[in-house]
All heavy atoms as atom14 arrays in JSON, in Angstrom:
{
  "sequence": "YSDSVKGRFTISRDSAKNTLYLQMNSLKPEDTGVYFC",
  "atom14_mask": [
    [1, 1, 1, 1, 1, 1, 1, 1, 1, 1, 1, 1, 0, 0],
    [1, 1, 1, 1, 1, 1, 0, 0, 0, 0, 0, 0, 0, 0],
    [1, 1, 1, 1, 1, 1, 1, 1, 0, 0, 0, 0, 0, 0],
    [1, 1, 1, 1, 1, 1, 0, 0, 0, 0, 0, 0, 0, 0],
    [1, 1, 1, 1, 1, 1, 1, 0, 0, 0, 0, 0, 0, 0],
    [1, 1, 1, 1, 1, 1, 1, 1, 1, 0, 0, 0, 0, 0],
    [1, 1, 1, 1, 0, 0, 0, 0, 0, 0, 0, 0, 0, 0],
    [1, 1, 1, 1, 1, 1, 1, 1, 1, 1, 1, 0, 0, 0],
    [1, 1, 1, 1, 1, 1, 1, 1, 1, 1, 1, 0, 0, 0],
    [1, 1, 1, 1, 1, 1, 1, 0, 0, 0, 0, 0, 0, 0],
    [1, 1, 1, 1, 1, 1, 1, 1, 0, 0, 0, 0, 0, 0],
    [1, 1, 1, 1, 1, 1, 0, 0, 0, 0, 0, 0, 0, 0],
    [1, 1, 1, 1, 1, 1, 1, 1, 1, 1, 1, 0, 0, 0],
    [1, 1, 1, 1, 1, 1, 1, 1, 0, 0, 0, 0, 0, 0],
    [1, 1, 1, 1, 1, 1, 0, 0, 0, 0, 0, 0, 0, 0],
    [1, 1, 1, 1, 1, 0, 0, 0, 0, 0, 0, 0, 0, 0],
    [1, 1, 1, 1, 1, 1, 1, 1, 1, 0, 0, 0, 0, 0],
    [1, 1, 1, 1, 1, 1, 1, 1, 0, 0, 0, 0, 0, 0],
    [1, 1, 1, 1, 1, 1, 1, 0, 0, 0, 0, 0, 0, 0],
    [1, 1, 1, 1, 1, 1, 1, 1, 0, 0, 0, 0, 0, 0],
    [1, 1, 1, 1, 1, 1, 1, 1, 1, 1, 1, 1, 0, 0],
    [1, 1, 1, 1, 1, 1, 1, 1, 0, 0, 0, 0, 0, 0],
    [1, 1, 1, 1, 1, 1, 1, 1, 1, 0, 0, 0, 0, 0],
    [1, 1, 1, 1, 1, 1, 1, 1, 0, 0, 0, 0, 0, 0],
    [1, 1, 1, 1, 1, 1, 1, 1, 0, 0, 0, 0, 0, 0],
    [1, 1, 1, 1, 1, 1, 0, 0, 0, 0, 0, 0, 0, 0],
    [1, 1, 1, 1, 1, 1, 1, 1, 0, 0, 0, 0, 0, 0],
    [1, 1, 1, 1, 1, 1, 1, 1, 1, 0, 0, 0, 0, 0],
    [1, 1, 1, 1, 1, 1, 1, 0, 0, 0, 0, 0, 0, 0],
    [1, 1, 1, 1, 1, 1, 1, 1, 1, 0, 0, 0, 0, 0],
    [1, 1, 1, 1, 1, 1, 1, 1, 0, 0, 0, 0, 0, 0],
    [1, 1, 1, 1, 1, 1, 1, 0, 0, 0, 0, 0, 0, 0],
    [1, 1, 1, 1, 0, 0, 0, 0, 0, 0, 0, 0, 0, 0],
    [1, 1, 1, 1, 1, 1, 1, 0, 0, 0, 0, 0, 0, 0],
    [1, 1, 1, 1, 1, 1, 1, 1, 1, 1, 1, 1, 0, 0],
    [1, 1, 1, 1, 1, 1, 1, 1, 1, 1, 1, 0, 0, 0],
    [1, 1, 1, 1, 1, 1, 0, 0, 0, 0, 0, 0, 0, 0]
  ],
  "atom14_positions": [
    [[0.85, -1.19, 0.0], [0.0, 0.0, 0.0], [0.88, 1.24, 0.0], [1.97, 1.24, 0.58], [-0.9, 0.05, 1.23], [-1.93, -1.04, 1.3], [-1.68, -2.24, 1.97], [-3.18, -0.88, 0.69], [-2.64, -3.25, 2.02], [-4.14, -1.88, 0.73], [-3.86, -3.06, 1.4], [-4.81, -4.05, 1.45], [0.0, 0.0, 0.0], [0.0, 0.0, 0.0]],
    [[0.39, 2.3, -0.62], [1.09, 3.57, -0.51], [0.9, 4.1, 0.91], [-0.09, 3.78, 1.58], [0.55, 4.57, -1.53], [-0.76, 4.97, -1.19], [0.0, 0.0, 0.0], [0.0, 0.0, 0.0], [0.0, 0.0, 0.0], [0.0, 0.0, 0.0], [0.0, 0.0, 0.0], [0.0, 0.0, 0.0], [0.0, 0.0, 0.0], [0.0, 0.0, 0.0]],
    [[1.82, 4.91, 1.36], [1.72, 5.45, 2.71], [0.47, 6.29, 2.89], [-0.11, 6.35, 3.98], [2.96, 6.29, 3.03], [4.21, 5.45, 3.2], [4.09, 4.22, 3.43], [5.32, 6.01, 3.1], [0.0, 0.0, 0.0], [0.0, 0.0, 0.0], [0.0, 0.0, 0.0], [0.0, 0.0, 0.0], [0.0, 0.0, 0.0], [0.0, 0.0, 0.0]],
    [[0.02, 6.93, 1.82], [-1.12, 7.83, 1.92], [-2.45, 7.11, 2.14], [-3.42, 7.73, 2.58], [-1.2, 8.71, 0.68], [-1.41, 7.92, -0.48], [0.0, 0.0, 0.0], [0.0, 0.0, 0.0], [0.0, 0.0, 0.0], [0.0, 0.0, 0.0], [0.0, 0.0, 0.0], [0.0, 0.0, 0.0], [0.0, 0.0, 0.0], [0.0, 0.0, 0.0]],
    [[-2.51, 5.81, 1.82], [-3.77, 5.09, 1.96], [-3.69, 3.95, 2.98], [-4.71, 3.34, 3.31], [-4.26, 4.52, 0.61], [-4.3, 5.61, -0.45], [-3.43, 3.34, 0.15], [0.0, 0.0, 0.0], [0.0, 0.0, 0.0], [0.0, 0.0, 0.0], [0.0, 0.0, 0.0], [0.0, 0.0, 0.0], [0.0, 0.0, 0.0], [0.0, 0.0, 0.0]],
    [[-2.5, 3.66, 3.47], [-2.32, 2.56, 4.41], [-3.22, 2.75, 5.63], [-3.27, 3.81, 6.24], [-0.86, 2.47, 4.82], [-0.44, 1.15, 5.44], [1.08, 1.13, 5.64], [1.82, 1.18, 4.34], [3.3, 1.08, 4.53], [0.0, 0.0, 0.0], [0.0, 0.0, 0.0], [0.0, 0.0, 0.0], [0.0, 0.0, 0.0], [0.0, 0.0, 0.0]],
    [[-3.95, 1.69, 5.98], [-4.86, 1.76, 7.11], [-6.25, 2.22, 6.75], [-7.19, 2.08, 7.55], [0.0, 0.0, 0.0], [0.0, 0.0, 0.0], [0.0, 0.0, 0.0], [0.0, 0.0, 0.0], [0.0, 0.0, 0.0], [0.0, 0.0, 0.0], [0.0, 0.0, 0.0], [0.0, 0.0, 0.0], [0.0, 0.0, 0.0], [0.0, 0.0, 0.0]],
    [[-6.43, 2.76, 5.54], [-7.76, 3.23, 5.1], [-8.29, 2.4, 3.92], [-9.5, 2.22, 3.8], [-7.68, 4.7, 4.68], [-7.23, 5.64, 5.77], [-7.38, 7.1, 5.34], [-6.52, 7.44, 4.2], [-6.97, 7.91, 3.04], [-8.26, 8.12, 2.86], [-6.13, 8.21, 2.05], [0.0, 0.0, 0.0], [0.0, 0.0, 0.0], [0.0, 0.0, 0.0]],
    [[-7.41, 1.96, 3.06], [-7.8, 1.2, 1.86], [-7.4, -0.26, 2.02], [-6.36, -0.57, 2.64], [-7.12, 1.75, 0.61], [-7.57, 3.11, 0.16], [-8.38, 3.92, 0.96], [-7.19, 3.59, -1.09], [-8.79, 5.18, 0.54], [-7.59, 4.84, -1.53], [-8.38, 5.64, -0.72], [0.0, 0.0, 0.0], [0.0, 0.0, 0.0], [0.0, 0.0, 0.0]],
    [[-8.18, -1.14, 1.41], [-7.87, -2.57, 1.43], [-8.07, -3.15, 0.03], [-9.15, -2.99, -0.56], [-8.77, -3.32, 2.42], [-8.63, -2.76, 3.73], [-8.38, -4.8, 2.47], [0.0, 0.0, 0.0], [0.0, 0.0, 0.0], [0.0, 0.0, 0.0], [0.0, 0.0, 0.0], [0.0, 0.0, 0.0], [0.0, 0.0, 0.0], [0.0, 0.0, 0.0]],
    [[-7.05, -3.82, -0.47], [-7.15, -4.5, -1.75], [-7.47, -5.96, -1.5], [-6.95, -6.57, -0.56], [-5.84, -4.35, -2.57], [-6.01, -4.93, -3.98], [-4.66, -4.96, -1.85], [-4.82, -4.64, -4.89], [0.0, 0.0, 0.0], [0.0, 0.0, 0.0], [0.0, 0.0, 0.0], [0.0, 0.0, 0.0], [0.0, 0.0, 0.0], [0.0, 0.0, 0.0]],
    [[-8.36, -6.51, -2.33], [-8.71, -7.91, -2.16], [-9.11, -8.51, -3.5], [-9.27, -7.79, -4.49], [-9.86, -8.07, -1.15], [-11.03, -7.44, -1.63], [0.0, 0.0, 0.0], [0.0, 0.0, 0.0], [0.0, 0.0, 0.0], [0.0, 0.0, 0.0], [0.0, 0.0, 0.0], [0.0, 0.0, 0.0], [0.0, 0.0, 0.0], [0.0, 0.0, 0.0]],
    [[-9.29, -9.82, -3.51], [-9.62, -10.53, -4.74], [-10.66, -11.59, -4.43], [-10.59, -12.25, -3.4], [-8.36, -11.18, -5.29], [-8.53, -12.11, -6.46], [-7.42, -13.12, -6.51], [-7.43, -13.95, -5.33], [-6.59, -14.94, -5.09], [-5.65, -15.2, -5.98], [-6.66, -15.64, -4.0], [0.0, 0.0, 0.0], [0.0, 0.0, 0.0], [0.0, 0.0, 0.0]],
    [[-11.63, -11.74, -5.32], [-12.62, -12.81, -5.22], [-12.36, -13.76, -6.38], [-12.66, -13.43, -7.54], [-14.03, -12.23, -5.28], [-15.1, -13.28, -5.06], [-14.9, -14.46, -5.45], [-16.16, -12.93, -4.51], [0.0, 0.0, 0.0], [0.0, 0.0, 0.0], [0.0, 0.0, 0.0], [0.0, 0.0, 0.0], [0.0, 0.0, 0.0], [0.0, 0.0, 0.0]],
    [[-11.79, -14.92, -6.07], [-11.43, -15.85, -7.15], [-12.67, -16.39, -7.86], [-12.65, -16.62, -9.06], [-10.62, -17.01, -6.57], [-9.37, -16.57, -6.11], [0.0, 0.0, 0.0], [0.0, 0.0, 0.0], [0.0, 0.0, 0.0], [0.0, 0.0, 0.0], [0.0, 0.0, 0.0], [0.0, 0.0, 0.0], [0.0, 0.0, 0.0], [0.0, 0.0, 0.0]],
    [[-13.74, -16.59, -7.12], [-14.96, -17.15, -7.71], [-15.54, -16.2, -8.75], [-16.08, -16.62, -9.77], [-15.99, -17.45, -6.63], [0.0, 0.0, 0.0], [0.0, 0.0, 0.0], [0.0, 0.0, 0.0], [0.0, 0.0, 0.0], [0.0, 0.0, 0.0], [0.0, 0.0, 0.0], [0.0, 0.0, 0.0], [0.0, 0.0, 0.0], [0.0, 0.0, 0.0]],
    [[-15.42, -14.9, -8.5], [-15.96, -13.9, -9.43], [-14.88, -13.35, -10.36], [-15.17, -12.53, -11.23], [-16.6, -12.75, -8.66], [-17.81, -13.17, -7.82], [-18.42, -11.98, -7.11], [-19.65, -12.41, -6.32], [-20.26, -11.27, -5.59], [0.0, 0.0, 0.0], [0.0, 0.0, 0.0], [0.0, 0.0, 0.0], [0.0, 0.0, 0.0], [0.0, 0.0, 0.0]],
    [[-13.63, -13.77, -10.15], [-12.5, -13.27, -10.93], [-12.46, -11.75, -10.93], [-12.32, -11.09, -11.98], [-12.58, -13.79, -12.37], [-11.24, -14.31, -12.86], [-10.57, -15.06, -12.17], [-10.85, -13.92, -14.05], [0.0, 0.0, 0.0], [0.0, 0.0, 0.0], [0.0, 0.0, 0.0], [0.0, 0.0, 0.0], [0.0, 0.0, 0.0], [0.0, 0.0, 0.0]],
    [[-12.62, -11.2, -9.75], [-12.75, -9.76, -9.59], [-11.8, -9.26, -8.52], [-11.62, -9.9, -7.48], [-14.19, -9.38, -9.24], [-15.05, -9.79, -10.3], [-14.34, -7.88, -9.04], [0.0, 0.0, 0.0], [0.0, 0.0, 0.0], [0.0, 0.0, 0.0], [0.0, 0.0, 0.0], [0.0, 0.0, 0.0], [0.0, 0.0, 0.0], [0.0, 0.0, 0.0]],
    [[-11.23, -8.1, -8.79], [-10.35, -7.4, -7.85], [-11.14, -6.26, -7.22], [-11.96, -5.64, -7.9], [-9.15, -6.84, -8.62], [-8.09, -6.04, -7.88], [-7.3, -6.94, -6.95], [-7.17, -5.35, -8.88], [0.0, 0.0, 0.0], [0.0, 0.0, 0.0], [0.0, 0.0, 0.0], [0.0, 0.0, 0.0], [0.0, 0.0, 0.0], [0.0, 0.0, 0.0]],
    [[-10.91, -6.0, -5.94], [-11.63, -4.93, -5.24], [-10.65, -3.97, -4.57], [-9.52, -4.32, -4.25], [-12.55, -5.5, -4.17], [-13.62, -6.42, -4.69], [-13.49, -7.8, -4.58], [-14.76, -5.9, -5.3], [-14.48, -8.64, -5.07], [-15.75, -6.74, -5.78], [-15.61, -8.1, -5.67], [-16.58, -8.93, -6.17], [0.0, 0.0, 0.0], [0.0, 0.0, 0.0]],
    [[-11.13, -2.74, -4.37], [-10.43, -1.77, -3.54], [-11.46, -1.14, -2.62], [-12.3, -0.36, -3.07], [-9.73, -0.7, -4.37], [-8.9, 0.3, -3.56], [-7.67, -0.4, -2.96], [-8.46, 1.48, -4.43], [0.0, 0.0, 0.0], [0.0, 0.0, 0.0], [0.0, 0.0, 0.0], [0.0, 0.0, 0.0], [0.0, 0.0, 0.0], [0.0, 0.0, 0.0]],
    [[-11.44, -1.52, -1.36], [-12.32, -0.93, -0.36], [-11.66, 0.33, 0.17], [-10.53, 0.26, 0.68], [-12.59, -1.91, 0.78], [-13.44, -1.35, 1.89], [-14.87, -1.06, 1.44], [-15.48, -1.86, 0.75], [-15.39, 0.1, 1.85], [0.0, 0.0, 0.0], [0.0, 0.0, 0.0], [0.0, 0.0, 0.0], [0.0, 0.0, 0.0], [0.0, 0.0, 0.0]],
    [[-12.34, 1.46, 0.04], [-11.77, 2.73, 0.44], [-12.62, 3.33, 1.56], [-13.81, 3.61, 1.35], [-11.73, 3.69, -0.76], [-11.01, 3.12, -1.97], [-10.82, 4.31, -3.32], [-12.52, 4.56, -3.78], [0.0, 0.0, 0.0], [0.0, 0.0, 0.0], [0.0, 0.0, 0.0], [0.0, 0.0, 0.0], [0.0, 0.0, 0.0], [0.0, 0.0, 0.0]],
    [[-12.02, 3.49, 2.72], [-12.7, 4.07, 3.88], [-12.05, 5.38, 4.29], [-10.92, 5.67, 3.88], [-12.66, 3.08, 5.05], [-13.35, 1.77, 4.75], [-14.34, 1.71, 4.0], [-12.85, 0.69, 5.32], [0.0, 0.0, 0.0], [0.0, 0.0, 0.0], [0.0, 0.0, 0.0], [0.0, 0.0, 0.0], [0.0, 0.0, 0.0], [0.0, 0.0, 0.0]],
    [[-12.75, 6.15, 5.08], [-12.22, 7.43, 5.59], [-11.66, 8.27, 4.45], [-10.54, 8.79, 4.53], [-11.14, 7.17, 6.65], [-11.65, 6.41, 7.72], [0.0, 0.0, 0.0], [0.0, 0.0, 0.0], [0.0, 0.0, 0.0], [0.0, 0.0, 0.0], [0.0, 0.0, 0.0], [0.0, 0.0, 0.0], [0.0, 0.0, 0.0], [0.0, 0.0, 0.0]],
    [[-12.44, 8.4, 3.41], [-11.97, 9.1, 2.23], [-11.71, 10.58, 2.49], [-12.43, 11.21, 3.28], [-12.96, 8.92, 1.08], [-12.88, 7.54, 0.4], [-14.14, 7.24, -0.38], [-11.67, 7.48, -0.52], [0.0, 0.0, 0.0], [0.0, 0.0, 0.0], [0.0, 0.0, 0.0], [0.0, 0.0, 0.0], [0.0, 0.0, 0.0], [0.0, 0.0, 0.0]],
    [[-10.7, 11.09, 1.8], [-10.29, 12.48, 1.93], [-10.37, 13.17, 0.57], [-10.28, 12.49, -0.46], [-8.85, 12.56, 2.44], [-8.6, 11.82, 3.74], [-7.12, 11.85, 4.1], [-6.83, 11.09, 5.39], [-5.39, 11.11, 5.73], [0.0, 0.0, 0.0], [0.0, 0.0, 0.0], [0.0, 0.0, 0.0], [0.0, 0.0, 0.0], [0.0, 0.0, 0.0]],
    [[-10.5, 14.48, 0.53], [-10.53, 15.18, -0.76], [-9.31, 14.86, -1.63], [-9.43, 14.79, -2.86], [-10.57, 16.65, -0.36], [-11.26, 16.65, 0.97], [-10.78, 15.4, 1.65], [0.0, 0.0, 0.0], [0.0, 0.0, 0.0], [0.0, 0.0, 0.0], [0.0, 0.0, 0.0], [0.0, 0.0, 0.0], [0.0, 0.0, 0.0], [0.0, 0.0, 0.0]],
    [[-8.18, 14.64, -1.01], [-6.96, 14.33, -1.79], [-6.97, 12.93, -2.4], [-6.08, 12.58, -3.16], [-5.7, 14.51, -0.93], [-5.73, 13.79, 0.39], [-6.15, 14.7, 1.53], [-7.11, 15.48, 1.36], [-5.52, 14.6, 2.61], [0.0, 0.0, 0.0], [0.0, 0.0, 0.0], [0.0, 0.0, 0.0], [0.0, 0.0, 0.0], [0.0, 0.0, 0.0]],
    [[-7.98, 12.13, -2.09], [-8.14, 10.82, -2.74], [-8.85, 10.95, -4.09], [-8.99, 9.96, -4.81], [-8.93, 9.87, -1.85], [-8.21, 9.51, -0.57], [-6.99, 9.26, -0.63], [-8.88, 9.47, 0.49], [0.0, 0.0, 0.0], [0.0, 0.0, 0.0], [0.0, 0.0, 0.0], [0.0, 0.0, 0.0], [0.0, 0.0, 0.0], [0.0, 0.0, 0.0]],
    [[-9.3, 12.13, -4.41], [-10.01, 12.36, -5.68], [-9.11, 12.07, -6.87], [-7.93, 12.45, -6.88], [-10.5, 13.82, -5.74], [-11.49, 14.01, -4.74], [-11.09, 14.14, -7.1], [0.0, 0.0, 0.0], [0.0, 0.0, 0.0], [0.0, 0.0, 0.0], [0.0, 0.0, 0.0], [0.0, 0.0, 0.0], [0.0, 0.0, 0.0], [0.0, 0.0, 0.0]],
    [[-9.67, 11.39, -7.87], [-8.93, 11.1, -9.09], [-9.59, 9.98, -9.86], [-10.62, 9.43, -9.44], [0.0, 0.0, 0.0], [0.0, 0.0, 0.0], [0.0, 0.0, 0.0], [0.0, 0.0, 0.0], [0.0, 0.0, 0.0], [0.0, 0.0, 0.0], [0.0, 0.0, 0.0], [0.0, 0.0, 0.0], [0.0, 0.0, 0.0], [0.0, 0.0, 0.0]],
    [[-8.99, 9.64, -10.98], [-9.43, 8.48, -11.76], [-8.62, 7.29, -11.28], [-7.39, 7.33, -11.25], [-9.23, 8.71, -13.26], [-9.68, 7.47, -14.04], [-9.99, 9.94, -13.72], [0.0, 0.0, 0.0], [0.0, 0.0, 0.0], [0.0, 0.0, 0.0], [0.0, 0.0, 0.0], [0.0, 0.0, 0.0], [0.0, 0.0, 0.0], [0.0, 0.0, 0.0]],
    [[-9.33, 6.24, -10.92], [-8.7, 5.04, -10.4], [-8.65, 3.96, -11.48], [-9.67, 3.68, -12.14], [-9.46, 4.53, -9.17], [-9.15, 5.32, -7.93], [-9.57, 6.65, -7.81], [-8.43, 4.77, -6.88], [-9.28, 7.39, -6.68], [-8.12, 5.5, -5.74], [-8.56, 6.81, -5.65], [-8.25, 7.55, -4.52], [0.0, 0.0, 0.0], [0.0, 0.0, 0.0]],
    [[-7.47, 3.36, -11.62], [-7.24, 2.34, -12.62], [-6.8, 1.04, -11.97], [-6.0, 1.06, -11.03], [-6.12, 2.76, -13.58], [-6.39, 4.02, -14.35], [-6.05, 5.26, -13.82], [-6.96, 3.97, -15.61], [-6.28, 6.43, -14.54], [-7.2, 5.13, -16.33], [-6.87, 6.35, -15.79], [0.0, 0.0, 0.0], [0.0, 0.0, 0.0], [0.0, 0.0, 0.0]],
    [[-7.31, -0.08, -12.47], [-6.79, -1.37, -12.05], [-5.8, -1.86, -13.12], [-5.92, -1.49, -14.29], [-7.89, -2.39, -11.81], [-9.07, -2.6, -13.17], [0.0, 0.0, 0.0], [0.0, 0.0, 0.0], [0.0, 0.0, 0.0], [0.0, 0.0, 0.0], [0.0, 0.0, 0.0], [0.0, 0.0, 0.0], [0.0, 0.0, 0.0], [0.0, 0.0, 0.0]]
  ]
}
């Protein structure tokens, strides 16, 4: 994790759905942007 998101964001994977996730909590204005996997 980057230092700026450590403790707030969690990356995970669901093998059954073949899907990657990014759970983002305690969001801040500086988290604004286009997110790419």
